[in-house]
mmCIF file of all heavy atoms, coordinates in Angstrom:
data_MODEL
# 
_entry.id   MODEL 
# 
loop_
_atom_site.group_PDB 
_atom_site.id 
_atom_site.type_symbol 
_atom_site.label_atom_id 
_atom_site.label_alt_id 
_atom_site.label_comp_id 
_atom_site.label_asym_id 
_atom_site.label_entity_id 
_atom_site.label_seq_id 
_atom_site.pdbx_PDB_ins_code 
_atom_site.Cartn_x 
_atom_site.Cartn_y 
_atom_site.Cartn_z 
_atom_site.occupancy 
_atom_site.B_iso_or_equiv 
_atom_site.pdbx_formal_charge 
_atom_site.auth_seq_id 
_atom_site.auth_comp_id 
_atom_site.auth_asym_id 
_atom_site.auth_atom_id 
_atom_site.pdbx_PDB_model_num 
ATOM 1   N N   . GLU A 1 1  ? 14.512 -28.464 -33.546 1.00 0.00 ? 1  GLU A N   1 
ATOM 2   C CA  . GLU A 1 1  ? 15.746 -28.931 -34.155 1.00 0.00 ? 1  GLU A CA  1 
ATOM 3   C C   . GLU A 1 1  ? 16.499 -29.959 -33.526 1.00 0.00 ? 1  GLU A C   1 
ATOM 4   O O   . GLU A 1 1  ? 17.477 -30.465 -33.982 1.00 0.00 ? 1  GLU A O   1 
ATOM 5   C CB  . GLU A 1 1  ? 16.651 -27.710 -34.434 1.00 0.00 ? 1  GLU A CB  1 
ATOM 6   C CG  . GLU A 1 1  ? 16.158 -26.590 -35.308 1.00 0.00 ? 1  GLU A CG  1 
ATOM 7   C CD  . GLU A 1 1  ? 16.987 -25.398 -35.307 1.00 0.00 ? 1  GLU A CD  1 
ATOM 8   O OE1 . GLU A 1 1  ? 18.113 -25.452 -34.901 1.00 0.00 ? 1  GLU A OE1 1 
ATOM 9   O OE2 . GLU A 1 1  ? 16.283 -24.275 -35.755 1.00 0.00 ? 1  GLU A OE2 1 
ATOM 10  N N   . ASP A 1 2  ? 16.000 -30.344 -32.215 1.00 0.00 ? 2  ASP A N   1 
ATOM 11  C CA  . ASP A 1 2  ? 16.695 -31.326 -31.472 1.00 0.00 ? 2  ASP A CA  1 
ATOM 12  C C   . ASP A 1 2  ? 16.215 -32.750 -31.778 1.00 0.00 ? 2  ASP A C   1 
ATOM 13  O O   . ASP A 1 2  ? 15.014 -33.054 -31.518 1.00 0.00 ? 2  ASP A O   1 
ATOM 14  C CB  . ASP A 1 2  ? 16.464 -31.048 -30.004 1.00 0.00 ? 2  ASP A CB  1 
ATOM 15  C CG  . ASP A 1 2  ? 17.406 -31.667 -29.099 1.00 0.00 ? 2  ASP A CG  1 
ATOM 16  O OD1 . ASP A 1 2  ? 17.663 -32.946 -29.185 1.00 0.00 ? 2  ASP A OD1 1 
ATOM 17  O OD2 . ASP A 1 2  ? 18.222 -30.984 -28.251 1.00 0.00 ? 2  ASP A OD2 1 
ATOM 18  N N   . GLU A 1 3  ? 17.164 -33.502 -32.206 1.00 0.00 ? 3  GLU A N   1 
ATOM 19  C CA  . GLU A 1 3  ? 16.619 -34.908 -32.683 1.00 0.00 ? 3  GLU A CA  1 
ATOM 20  C C   . GLU A 1 3  ? 16.436 -35.881 -31.601 1.00 0.00 ? 3  GLU A C   1 
ATOM 21  O O   . GLU A 1 3  ? 16.008 -37.052 -31.850 1.00 0.00 ? 3  GLU A O   1 
ATOM 22  C CB  . GLU A 1 3  ? 17.583 -35.493 -33.849 1.00 0.00 ? 3  GLU A CB  1 
ATOM 23  C CG  . GLU A 1 3  ? 17.570 -34.535 -35.068 1.00 0.00 ? 3  GLU A CG  1 
ATOM 24  C CD  . GLU A 1 3  ? 18.559 -35.201 -36.107 1.00 0.00 ? 3  GLU A CD  1 
ATOM 25  O OE1 . GLU A 1 3  ? 19.255 -36.123 -35.819 1.00 0.00 ? 3  GLU A OE1 1 
ATOM 26  O OE2 . GLU A 1 3  ? 18.605 -34.434 -37.227 1.00 0.00 ? 3  GLU A OE2 1 
ATOM 27  N N   . MET A 1 4  ? 16.814 -35.491 -30.441 1.00 0.00 ? 4  MET A N   1 
ATOM 28  C CA  . MET A 1 4  ? 16.615 -36.362 -29.232 1.00 0.00 ? 4  MET A CA  1 
ATOM 29  C C   . MET A 1 4  ? 15.186 -36.631 -28.976 1.00 0.00 ? 4  MET A C   1 
ATOM 30  O O   . MET A 1 4  ? 14.744 -37.642 -28.460 1.00 0.00 ? 4  MET A O   1 
ATOM 31  C CB  . MET A 1 4  ? 17.228 -35.836 -27.940 1.00 0.00 ? 4  MET A CB  1 
ATOM 32  C CG  . MET A 1 4  ? 17.266 -36.661 -26.811 1.00 0.00 ? 4  MET A CG  1 
ATOM 33  S SD  . MET A 1 4  ? 18.411 -38.168 -27.004 1.00 0.00 ? 4  MET A SD  1 
ATOM 34  C CE  . MET A 1 4  ? 20.014 -37.365 -26.598 1.00 0.00 ? 4  MET A CE  1 
ATOM 35  N N   . GLY A 1 5  ? 14.306 -35.716 -29.314 1.00 0.00 ? 5  GLY A N   1 
ATOM 36  C CA  . GLY A 1 5  ? 12.773 -35.763 -29.142 1.00 0.00 ? 5  GLY A CA  1 
ATOM 37  C C   . GLY A 1 5  ? 12.159 -35.354 -30.393 1.00 0.00 ? 5  GLY A C   1 
ATOM 38  O O   . GLY A 1 5  ? 12.730 -34.982 -31.412 1.00 0.00 ? 5  GLY A O   1 
ATOM 39  N N   . GLN A 1 6  ? 10.856 -35.423 -30.380 1.00 0.00 ? 6  GLN A N   1 
ATOM 40  C CA  . GLN A 1 6  ? 10.009 -34.974 -31.499 1.00 0.00 ? 6  GLN A CA  1 
ATOM 41  C C   . GLN A 1 6  ? 9.011  -33.958 -31.270 1.00 0.00 ? 6  GLN A C   1 
ATOM 42  O O   . GLN A 1 6  ? 7.947  -33.918 -31.681 1.00 0.00 ? 6  GLN A O   1 
ATOM 43  C CB  . GLN A 1 6  ? 9.279  -36.176 -32.037 1.00 0.00 ? 6  GLN A CB  1 
ATOM 44  C CG  . GLN A 1 6  ? 10.167 -37.234 -32.875 1.00 0.00 ? 6  GLN A CG  1 
ATOM 45  C CD  . GLN A 1 6  ? 10.845 -38.339 -31.775 1.00 0.00 ? 6  GLN A CD  1 
ATOM 46  O OE1 . GLN A 1 6  ? 10.099 -38.663 -30.903 1.00 0.00 ? 6  GLN A OE1 1 
ATOM 47  N NE2 . GLN A 1 6  ? 12.066 -38.617 -32.001 1.00 0.00 ? 6  GLN A NE2 1 
ATOM 48  N N   . LEU A 1 7  ? 9.246  -32.994 -30.267 1.00 0.00 ? 7  LEU A N   1 
ATOM 49  C CA  . LEU A 1 7  ? 8.387  -31.850 -30.026 1.00 0.00 ? 7  LEU A CA  1 
ATOM 50  C C   . LEU A 1 7  ? 8.872  -30.627 -30.919 1.00 0.00 ? 7  LEU A C   1 
ATOM 51  O O   . LEU A 1 7  ? 9.945  -30.601 -31.339 1.00 0.00 ? 7  LEU A O   1 
ATOM 52  C CB  . LEU A 1 7  ? 8.361  -31.600 -28.515 1.00 0.00 ? 7  LEU A CB  1 
ATOM 53  C CG  . LEU A 1 7  ? 7.720  -32.663 -27.625 1.00 0.00 ? 7  LEU A CG  1 
ATOM 54  C CD1 . LEU A 1 7  ? 7.493  -32.051 -26.238 1.00 0.00 ? 7  LEU A CD1 1 
ATOM 55  C CD2 . LEU A 1 7  ? 6.312  -33.103 -28.189 1.00 0.00 ? 7  LEU A CD2 1 
ATOM 56  N N   . GLY A 1 8  ? 7.871  -29.626 -30.932 1.00 0.00 ? 8  GLY A N   1 
ATOM 57  C CA  . GLY A 1 8  ? 8.142  -28.570 -31.907 1.00 0.00 ? 8  GLY A CA  1 
ATOM 58  C C   . GLY A 1 8  ? 8.387  -27.157 -31.226 1.00 0.00 ? 8  GLY A C   1 
ATOM 59  O O   . GLY A 1 8  ? 7.818  -26.270 -31.815 1.00 0.00 ? 8  GLY A O   1 
ATOM 60  N N   . LEU A 1 9  ? 8.915  -27.141 -30.146 1.00 0.00 ? 9  LEU A N   1 
ATOM 61  C CA  . LEU A 1 9  ? 9.246  -25.789 -29.519 1.00 0.00 ? 9  LEU A CA  1 
ATOM 62  C C   . LEU A 1 9  ? 10.331 -25.034 -30.213 1.00 0.00 ? 9  LEU A C   1 
ATOM 63  O O   . LEU A 1 9  ? 11.214 -25.626 -30.841 1.00 0.00 ? 9  LEU A O   1 
ATOM 64  C CB  . LEU A 1 9  ? 9.531  -25.947 -27.994 1.00 0.00 ? 9  LEU A CB  1 
ATOM 65  C CG  . LEU A 1 9  ? 8.260  -25.988 -27.139 1.00 0.00 ? 9  LEU A CG  1 
ATOM 66  C CD1 . LEU A 1 9  ? 7.488  -27.335 -27.388 1.00 0.00 ? 9  LEU A CD1 1 
ATOM 67  C CD2 . LEU A 1 9  ? 8.652  -25.976 -25.665 1.00 0.00 ? 9  LEU A CD2 1 
ATOM 68  N N   . VAL A 1 10 ? 10.383 -23.662 -30.175 1.00 0.00 ? 10 VAL A N   1 
ATOM 69  C CA  . VAL A 1 10 ? 11.321 -22.720 -30.599 1.00 0.00 ? 10 VAL A CA  1 
ATOM 70  C C   . VAL A 1 10 ? 11.765 -21.777 -29.524 1.00 0.00 ? 10 VAL A C   1 
ATOM 71  O O   . VAL A 1 10 ? 11.134 -21.873 -28.399 1.00 0.00 ? 10 VAL A O   1 
ATOM 72  C CB  . VAL A 1 10 ? 10.941 -22.038 -31.850 1.00 0.00 ? 10 VAL A CB  1 
ATOM 73  C CG1 . VAL A 1 10 ? 10.607 -22.958 -33.031 1.00 0.00 ? 10 VAL A CG1 1 
ATOM 74  C CG2 . VAL A 1 10 ? 9.624  -21.200 -31.662 1.00 0.00 ? 10 VAL A CG2 1 
ATOM 75  N N   . GLU A 1 11 ? 12.684 -20.948 -29.842 1.00 0.00 ? 11 GLU A N   1 
ATOM 76  C CA  . GLU A 1 11 ? 13.225 -20.117 -28.836 1.00 0.00 ? 11 GLU A CA  1 
ATOM 77  C C   . GLU A 1 11 ? 12.225 -19.199 -28.119 1.00 0.00 ? 11 GLU A C   1 
ATOM 78  O O   . GLU A 1 11 ? 12.144 -18.937 -26.896 1.00 0.00 ? 11 GLU A O   1 
ATOM 79  C CB  . GLU A 1 11 ? 14.287 -19.194 -29.334 1.00 0.00 ? 11 GLU A CB  1 
ATOM 80  C CG  . GLU A 1 11 ? 15.592 -19.973 -29.803 1.00 0.00 ? 11 GLU A CG  1 
ATOM 81  C CD  . GLU A 1 11 ? 15.622 -20.309 -31.275 1.00 0.00 ? 11 GLU A CD  1 
ATOM 82  O OE1 . GLU A 1 11 ? 14.580 -20.924 -31.662 1.00 0.00 ? 11 GLU A OE1 1 
ATOM 83  O OE2 . GLU A 1 11 ? 16.521 -19.989 -31.948 1.00 0.00 ? 11 GLU A OE2 1 
ATOM 84  N N   . ASN A 1 12 ? 11.260 -18.706 -29.000 1.00 0.00 ? 12 ASN A N   1 
ATOM 85  C CA  . ASN A 1 12 ? 10.213 -17.883 -28.462 1.00 0.00 ? 12 ASN A CA  1 
ATOM 86  C C   . ASN A 1 12 ? 9.305  -18.595 -27.510 1.00 0.00 ? 12 ASN A C   1 
ATOM 87  O O   . ASN A 1 12 ? 8.797  -17.906 -26.452 1.00 0.00 ? 12 ASN A O   1 
ATOM 88  C CB  . ASN A 1 12 ? 9.359  -17.305 -29.541 1.00 0.00 ? 12 ASN A CB  1 
ATOM 89  C CG  . ASN A 1 12 ? 9.934  -16.139 -30.205 1.00 0.00 ? 12 ASN A CG  1 
ATOM 90  O OD1 . ASN A 1 12 ? 10.870 -15.564 -29.752 1.00 0.00 ? 12 ASN A OD1 1 
ATOM 91  N ND2 . ASN A 1 12 ? 9.510  -15.890 -31.457 1.00 0.00 ? 12 ASN A ND2 1 
ATOM 92  N N   . ASP A 1 13 ? 9.187  -19.941 -27.602 1.00 0.00 ? 13 ASP A N   1 
ATOM 93  C CA  . ASP A 1 13 ? 8.355  -20.622 -26.606 1.00 0.00 ? 13 ASP A CA  1 
ATOM 94  C C   . ASP A 1 13 ? 9.124  -20.764 -25.298 1.00 0.00 ? 13 ASP A C   1 
ATOM 95  O O   . ASP A 1 13 ? 8.436  -20.643 -24.227 1.00 0.00 ? 13 ASP A O   1 
ATOM 96  C CB  . ASP A 1 13 ? 8.161  -22.114 -27.102 1.00 0.00 ? 13 ASP A CB  1 
ATOM 97  C CG  . ASP A 1 13 ? 7.232  -22.051 -28.319 1.00 0.00 ? 13 ASP A CG  1 
ATOM 98  O OD1 . ASP A 1 13 ? 6.183  -21.418 -28.318 1.00 0.00 ? 13 ASP A OD1 1 
ATOM 99  O OD2 . ASP A 1 13 ? 7.604  -22.684 -29.389 1.00 0.00 ? 13 ASP A OD2 1 
ATOM 100 N N   . TYR A 1 14 ? 10.345 -20.994 -25.319 1.00 0.00 ? 14 TYR A N   1 
ATOM 101 C CA  . TYR A 1 14 ? 11.101 -20.947 -24.058 1.00 0.00 ? 14 TYR A CA  1 
ATOM 102 C C   . TYR A 1 14 ? 11.099 -19.527 -23.333 1.00 0.00 ? 14 TYR A C   1 
ATOM 103 O O   . TYR A 1 14 ? 11.069 -19.490 -22.166 1.00 0.00 ? 14 TYR A O   1 
ATOM 104 C CB  . TYR A 1 14 ? 12.605 -21.506 -24.349 1.00 0.00 ? 14 TYR A CB  1 
ATOM 105 C CG  . TYR A 1 14 ? 12.621 -22.902 -24.654 1.00 0.00 ? 14 TYR A CG  1 
ATOM 106 C CD1 . TYR A 1 14 ? 13.141 -23.291 -25.850 1.00 0.00 ? 14 TYR A CD1 1 
ATOM 107 C CD2 . TYR A 1 14 ? 12.255 -23.838 -23.798 1.00 0.00 ? 14 TYR A CD2 1 
ATOM 108 C CE1 . TYR A 1 14 ? 13.131 -24.604 -26.311 1.00 0.00 ? 14 TYR A CE1 1 
ATOM 109 C CE2 . TYR A 1 14 ? 12.277 -25.180 -24.067 1.00 0.00 ? 14 TYR A CE2 1 
ATOM 110 C CZ  . TYR A 1 14 ? 12.752 -25.522 -25.321 1.00 0.00 ? 14 TYR A CZ  1 
ATOM 111 O OH  . TYR A 1 14 ? 12.888 -26.909 -25.674 1.00 0.00 ? 14 TYR A OH  1 
ATOM 112 N N   . ALA A 1 15 ? 11.266 -18.538 -24.189 1.00 0.00 ? 15 ALA A N   1 
ATOM 113 C CA  . ALA A 1 15 ? 11.031 -17.143 -23.534 1.00 0.00 ? 15 ALA A CA  1 
ATOM 114 C C   . ALA A 1 15 ? 9.769  -16.987 -22.973 1.00 0.00 ? 15 ALA A C   1 
ATOM 115 O O   . ALA A 1 15 ? 9.596  -16.367 -21.797 1.00 0.00 ? 15 ALA A O   1 
ATOM 116 C CB  . ALA A 1 15 ? 11.303 -16.104 -24.681 1.00 0.00 ? 15 ALA A CB  1 
ATOM 117 N N   . TRP A 1 16 ? 8.652  -17.439 -23.687 1.00 0.00 ? 16 TRP A N   1 
ATOM 118 C CA  . TRP A 1 16 ? 7.313  -17.288 -23.164 1.00 0.00 ? 16 TRP A CA  1 
ATOM 119 C C   . TRP A 1 16 ? 7.182  -18.074 -21.807 1.00 0.00 ? 16 TRP A C   1 
ATOM 120 O O   . TRP A 1 16 ? 6.652  -17.549 -20.725 1.00 0.00 ? 16 TRP A O   1 
ATOM 121 C CB  . TRP A 1 16 ? 6.419  -17.820 -24.151 1.00 0.00 ? 16 TRP A CB  1 
ATOM 122 C CG  . TRP A 1 16 ? 4.804  -17.495 -23.823 1.00 0.00 ? 16 TRP A CG  1 
ATOM 123 C CD1 . TRP A 1 16 ? 4.066  -16.452 -24.027 1.00 0.00 ? 16 TRP A CD1 1 
ATOM 124 C CD2 . TRP A 1 16 ? 4.103  -18.537 -23.094 1.00 0.00 ? 16 TRP A CD2 1 
ATOM 125 N NE1 . TRP A 1 16 ? 2.834  -16.722 -23.546 1.00 0.00 ? 16 TRP A NE1 1 
ATOM 126 C CE2 . TRP A 1 16 ? 2.660  -18.020 -22.937 1.00 0.00 ? 16 TRP A CE2 1 
ATOM 127 C CE3 . TRP A 1 16 ? 4.271  -19.767 -22.514 1.00 0.00 ? 16 TRP A CE3 1 
ATOM 128 C CZ2 . TRP A 1 16 ? 1.721  -18.535 -22.185 1.00 0.00 ? 16 TRP A CZ2 1 
ATOM 129 C CZ3 . TRP A 1 16 ? 3.196  -20.438 -21.834 1.00 0.00 ? 16 TRP A CZ3 1 
ATOM 130 C CH2 . TRP A 1 16 ? 1.889  -19.811 -21.606 1.00 0.00 ? 16 TRP A CH2 1 
ATOM 131 N N   . ILE A 1 17 ? 7.610  -19.332 -21.780 1.00 0.00 ? 17 ILE A N   1 
ATOM 132 C CA  . ILE A 1 17 ? 7.489  -20.102 -20.585 1.00 0.00 ? 17 ILE A CA  1 
ATOM 133 C C   . ILE A 1 17 ? 8.304  -19.556 -19.370 1.00 0.00 ? 17 ILE A C   1 
ATOM 134 O O   . ILE A 1 17 ? 7.806  -19.497 -18.335 1.00 0.00 ? 17 ILE A O   1 
ATOM 135 C CB  . ILE A 1 17 ? 7.988  -21.565 -20.847 1.00 0.00 ? 17 ILE A CB  1 
ATOM 136 C CG1 . ILE A 1 17 ? 7.095  -22.370 -21.850 1.00 0.00 ? 17 ILE A CG1 1 
ATOM 137 C CG2 . ILE A 1 17 ? 8.109  -22.459 -19.597 1.00 0.00 ? 17 ILE A CG2 1 
ATOM 138 C CD1 . ILE A 1 17 ? 7.771  -23.555 -22.532 1.00 0.00 ? 17 ILE A CD1 1 
ATOM 139 N N   . THR A 1 18 ? 9.466  -19.075 -19.790 1.00 0.00 ? 18 THR A N   1 
ATOM 140 C CA  . THR A 1 18 ? 10.371 -18.519 -18.662 1.00 0.00 ? 18 THR A CA  1 
ATOM 141 C C   . THR A 1 18 ? 9.510  -17.162 -18.125 1.00 0.00 ? 18 THR A C   1 
ATOM 142 O O   . THR A 1 18 ? 9.563  -16.984 -16.963 1.00 0.00 ? 18 THR A O   1 
ATOM 143 C CB  . THR A 1 18 ? 11.699 -18.062 -19.133 1.00 0.00 ? 18 THR A CB  1 
ATOM 144 O OG1 . THR A 1 18 ? 12.216 -19.262 -19.870 1.00 0.00 ? 18 THR A OG1 1 
ATOM 145 C CG2 . THR A 1 18 ? 12.491 -17.588 -18.065 1.00 0.00 ? 18 THR A CG2 1 
ATOM 146 N N   . GLN A 1 19 ? 8.972  -16.408 -19.037 1.00 0.00 ? 19 GLN A N   1 
ATOM 147 C CA  . GLN A 1 19 ? 8.162  -15.291 -18.501 1.00 0.00 ? 19 GLN A CA  1 
ATOM 148 C C   . GLN A 1 19 ? 7.048  -15.620 -17.682 1.00 0.00 ? 19 GLN A C   1 
ATOM 149 O O   . GLN A 1 19 ? 6.795  -15.010 -16.565 1.00 0.00 ? 19 GLN A O   1 
ATOM 150 C CB  . GLN A 1 19 ? 7.759  -14.420 -19.719 1.00 0.00 ? 19 GLN A CB  1 
ATOM 151 C CG  . GLN A 1 19 ? 7.014  -13.138 -19.356 1.00 0.00 ? 19 GLN A CG  1 
ATOM 152 C CD  . GLN A 1 19 ? 7.948  -12.193 -18.818 1.00 0.00 ? 19 GLN A CD  1 
ATOM 153 O OE1 . GLN A 1 19 ? 9.059  -11.959 -19.177 1.00 0.00 ? 19 GLN A OE1 1 
ATOM 154 N NE2 . GLN A 1 19 ? 7.386  -11.496 -17.714 1.00 0.00 ? 19 GLN A NE2 1 
ATOM 155 N N   . ARG A 1 20 ? 6.234  -16.714 -18.054 1.00 0.00 ? 20 ARG A N   1 
ATOM 156 C CA  . ARG A 1 20 ? 5.213  -17.127 -17.163 1.00 0.00 ? 20 ARG A CA  1 
ATOM 157 C C   . ARG A 1 20 ? 5.787  -17.527 -15.678 1.00 0.00 ? 20 ARG A C   1 
ATOM 158 O O   . ARG A 1 20 ? 5.131  -17.247 -14.728 1.00 0.00 ? 20 ARG A O   1 
ATOM 159 C CB  . ARG A 1 20 ? 4.366  -18.216 -17.776 1.00 0.00 ? 20 ARG A CB  1 
ATOM 160 C CG  . ARG A 1 20 ? 3.635  -17.862 -18.994 1.00 0.00 ? 20 ARG A CG  1 
ATOM 161 C CD  . ARG A 1 20 ? 2.511  -16.913 -18.566 1.00 0.00 ? 20 ARG A CD  1 
ATOM 162 N NE  . ARG A 1 20 ? 1.820  -16.250 -19.749 1.00 0.00 ? 20 ARG A NE  1 
ATOM 163 C CZ  . ARG A 1 20 ? 2.233  -15.326 -20.315 1.00 0.00 ? 20 ARG A CZ  1 
ATOM 164 N NH1 . ARG A 1 20 ? 3.427  -14.717 -20.026 1.00 0.00 ? 20 ARG A NH1 1 
ATOM 165 N NH2 . ARG A 1 20 ? 1.503  -14.815 -21.407 1.00 0.00 ? 20 ARG A NH2 1 
ATOM 166 N N   . ILE A 1 21 ? 6.882  -18.316 -15.747 1.00 0.00 ? 21 ILE A N   1 
ATOM 167 C CA  . ILE A 1 21 ? 7.464  -18.760 -14.522 1.00 0.00 ? 21 ILE A CA  1 
ATOM 168 C C   . ILE A 1 21 ? 7.815  -17.681 -13.736 1.00 0.00 ? 21 ILE A C   1 
ATOM 169 O O   . ILE A 1 21 ? 7.647  -17.585 -12.461 1.00 0.00 ? 21 ILE A O   1 
ATOM 170 C CB  . ILE A 1 21 ? 8.603  -19.688 -14.723 1.00 0.00 ? 21 ILE A CB  1 
ATOM 171 C CG1 . ILE A 1 21 ? 8.173  -20.929 -15.372 1.00 0.00 ? 21 ILE A CG1 1 
ATOM 172 C CG2 . ILE A 1 21 ? 9.364  -20.010 -13.462 1.00 0.00 ? 21 ILE A CG2 1 
ATOM 173 C CD1 . ILE A 1 21 ? 9.337  -21.845 -16.022 1.00 0.00 ? 21 ILE A CD1 1 
ATOM 174 N N   . LYS A 1 22 ? 8.381  -16.625 -14.343 1.00 0.00 ? 22 LYS A N   1 
ATOM 175 C CA  . LYS A 1 22 ? 8.998  -15.345 -13.729 1.00 0.00 ? 22 LYS A CA  1 
ATOM 176 C C   . LYS A 1 22 ? 7.821  -14.730 -13.048 1.00 0.00 ? 22 LYS A C   1 
ATOM 177 O O   . LYS A 1 22 ? 7.979  -14.127 -11.898 1.00 0.00 ? 22 LYS A O   1 
ATOM 178 C CB  . LYS A 1 22 ? 9.685  -14.452 -14.603 1.00 0.00 ? 22 LYS A CB  1 
ATOM 179 C CG  . LYS A 1 22 ? 10.539 -13.492 -13.977 1.00 0.00 ? 22 LYS A CG  1 
ATOM 180 C CD  . LYS A 1 22 ? 11.312 -12.732 -15.054 1.00 0.00 ? 22 LYS A CD  1 
ATOM 181 C CE  . LYS A 1 22 ? 12.192 -11.625 -14.440 1.00 0.00 ? 22 LYS A CE  1 
ATOM 182 N NZ  . LYS A 1 22 ? 13.002 -10.856 -15.363 1.00 0.00 ? 22 LYS A NZ  1 
ATOM 183 N N   . GLU A 1 23 ? 6.627  -14.527 -13.754 1.00 0.00 ? 23 GLU A N   1 
ATOM 184 C CA  . GLU A 1 23 ? 5.532  -13.897 -13.218 1.00 0.00 ? 23 GLU A CA  1 
ATOM 185 C C   . GLU A 1 23 ? 4.975  -14.555 -11.901 1.00 0.00 ? 23 GLU A C   1 
ATOM 186 O O   . GLU A 1 23 ? 4.601  -13.878 -11.002 1.00 0.00 ? 23 GLU A O   1 
ATOM 187 C CB  . GLU A 1 23 ? 4.413  -13.665 -14.268 1.00 0.00 ? 23 GLU A CB  1 
ATOM 188 C CG  . GLU A 1 23 ? 4.891  -12.696 -15.303 1.00 0.00 ? 23 GLU A CG  1 
ATOM 189 C CD  . GLU A 1 23 ? 3.885  -12.863 -16.645 1.00 0.00 ? 23 GLU A CD  1 
ATOM 190 O OE1 . GLU A 1 23 ? 3.012  -13.773 -16.548 1.00 0.00 ? 23 GLU A OE1 1 
ATOM 191 O OE2 . GLU A 1 23 ? 4.197  -12.143 -17.620 1.00 0.00 ? 23 GLU A OE2 1 
ATOM 192 N N   . VAL A 1 24 ? 4.875  -15.918 -12.023 1.00 0.00 ? 24 VAL A N   1 
ATOM 193 C CA  . VAL A 1 24 ? 4.535  -16.691 -10.662 1.00 0.00 ? 24 VAL A CA  1 
ATOM 194 C C   . VAL A 1 24 ? 5.581  -16.327 -9.629  1.00 0.00 ? 24 VAL A C   1 
ATOM 195 O O   . VAL A 1 24 ? 5.130  -16.075 -8.470  1.00 0.00 ? 24 VAL A O   1 
ATOM 196 C CB  . VAL A 1 24 ? 4.559  -18.134 -11.113 1.00 0.00 ? 24 VAL A CB  1 
ATOM 197 C CG1 . VAL A 1 24 ? 4.391  -18.998 -9.758  1.00 0.00 ? 24 VAL A CG1 1 
ATOM 198 C CG2 . VAL A 1 24 ? 3.456  -18.530 -12.023 1.00 0.00 ? 24 VAL A CG2 1 
ATOM 199 N N   . ALA A 1 25 ? 6.808  -16.367 -9.884  1.00 0.00 ? 25 ALA A N   1 
ATOM 200 C CA  . ALA A 1 25 ? 7.791  -16.038 -8.846  1.00 0.00 ? 25 ALA A CA  1 
ATOM 201 C C   . ALA A 1 25 ? 7.729  -14.608 -8.243  1.00 0.00 ? 25 ALA A C   1 
ATOM 202 O O   . ALA A 1 25 ? 7.886  -14.433 -7.103  1.00 0.00 ? 25 ALA A O   1 
ATOM 203 C CB  . ALA A 1 25 ? 9.313  -16.372 -9.435  1.00 0.00 ? 25 ALA A CB  1 
ATOM 204 N N   . GLN A 1 26 ? 7.347  -13.722 -9.192  1.00 0.00 ? 26 GLN A N   1 
ATOM 205 C CA  . GLN A 1 26 ? 7.205  -12.398 -8.697  1.00 0.00 ? 26 GLN A CA  1 
ATOM 206 C C   . GLN A 1 26 ? 5.999  -12.226 -7.771  1.00 0.00 ? 26 GLN A C   1 
ATOM 207 O O   . GLN A 1 26 ? 6.002  -11.395 -6.849  1.00 0.00 ? 26 GLN A O   1 
ATOM 208 C CB  . GLN A 1 26 ? 7.091  -11.343 -9.962  1.00 0.00 ? 26 GLN A CB  1 
ATOM 209 C CG  . GLN A 1 26 ? 8.539  -11.166 -10.545 1.00 0.00 ? 26 GLN A CG  1 
ATOM 210 C CD  . GLN A 1 26 ? 8.447  -10.574 -11.888 1.00 0.00 ? 26 GLN A CD  1 
ATOM 211 O OE1 . GLN A 1 26 ? 7.549  -10.687 -12.596 1.00 0.00 ? 26 GLN A OE1 1 
ATOM 212 N NE2 . GLN A 1 26 ? 9.627  -9.973  -12.310 1.00 0.00 ? 26 GLN A NE2 1 
ATOM 213 N N   . ARG A 1 27 ? 4.966  -12.925 -8.215  1.00 0.00 ? 27 ARG A N   1 
ATOM 214 C CA  . ARG A 1 27 ? 3.703  -12.866 -7.428  1.00 0.00 ? 27 ARG A CA  1 
ATOM 215 C C   . ARG A 1 27 ? 3.872  -13.458 -5.946  1.00 0.00 ? 27 ARG A C   1 
ATOM 216 O O   . ARG A 1 27 ? 3.277  -13.004 -5.055  1.00 0.00 ? 27 ARG A O   1 
ATOM 217 C CB  . ARG A 1 27 ? 2.505  -13.620 -8.091  1.00 0.00 ? 27 ARG A CB  1 
ATOM 218 C CG  . ARG A 1 27 ? 1.991  -12.827 -9.242  1.00 0.00 ? 27 ARG A CG  1 
ATOM 219 C CD  . ARG A 1 27 ? 0.619  -13.344 -9.672  1.00 0.00 ? 27 ARG A CD  1 
ATOM 220 N NE  . ARG A 1 27 ? 0.579  -14.654 -10.224 1.00 0.00 ? 27 ARG A NE  1 
ATOM 221 C CZ  . ARG A 1 27 ? 0.876  -15.059 -11.416 1.00 0.00 ? 27 ARG A CZ  1 
ATOM 222 N NH1 . ARG A 1 27 ? 1.165  -13.919 -12.280 1.00 0.00 ? 27 ARG A NH1 1 
ATOM 223 N NH2 . ARG A 1 27 ? 0.787  -16.127 -12.024 1.00 0.00 ? 27 ARG A NH2 1 
ATOM 224 N N   . HIS A 1 28 ? 4.523  -14.600 -5.787  1.00 0.00 ? 28 HIS A N   1 
ATOM 225 C CA  . HIS A 1 28 ? 4.542  -15.357 -4.593  1.00 0.00 ? 28 HIS A CA  1 
ATOM 226 C C   . HIS A 1 28 ? 5.960  -15.606 -3.968  1.00 0.00 ? 28 HIS A C   1 
ATOM 227 O O   . HIS A 1 28 ? 6.010  -15.895 -2.826  1.00 0.00 ? 28 HIS A O   1 
ATOM 228 C CB  . HIS A 1 28 ? 3.990  -16.767 -4.930  1.00 0.00 ? 28 HIS A CB  1 
ATOM 229 C CG  . HIS A 1 28 ? 2.613  -16.788 -5.643  1.00 0.00 ? 28 HIS A CG  1 
ATOM 230 N ND1 . HIS A 1 28 ? 1.584  -16.276 -4.948  1.00 0.00 ? 28 HIS A ND1 1 
ATOM 231 C CD2 . HIS A 1 28 ? 2.222  -17.124 -6.810  1.00 0.00 ? 28 HIS A CD2 1 
ATOM 232 C CE1 . HIS A 1 28 ? 0.462  -16.289 -5.856  1.00 0.00 ? 28 HIS A CE1 1 
ATOM 233 N NE2 . HIS A 1 28 ? 0.962  -16.885 -6.903  1.00 0.00 ? 28 HIS A NE2 1 
ATOM 234 N N   . ALA A 1 29 ? 7.060  -15.426 -4.745  1.00 0.00 ? 29 ALA A N   1 
ATOM 235 C CA  . ALA A 1 29 ? 8.317  -15.797 -4.218  1.00 0.00 ? 29 ALA A CA  1 
ATOM 236 C C   . ALA A 1 29 ? 9.371  -14.794 -4.260  1.00 0.00 ? 29 ALA A C   1 
ATOM 237 O O   . ALA A 1 29 ? 10.517 -14.968 -4.399  1.00 0.00 ? 29 ALA A O   1 
ATOM 238 C CB  . ALA A 1 29 ? 8.758  -17.114 -5.009  1.00 0.00 ? 29 ALA A CB  1 
# 
């Protein structure tokens, strides 16, 4: 919905990306 760019992510994608980052942080950090 953001007209600044032309990519097609939605809220669920941000939640998924954050979850993957969180898992990396839990494993190593």
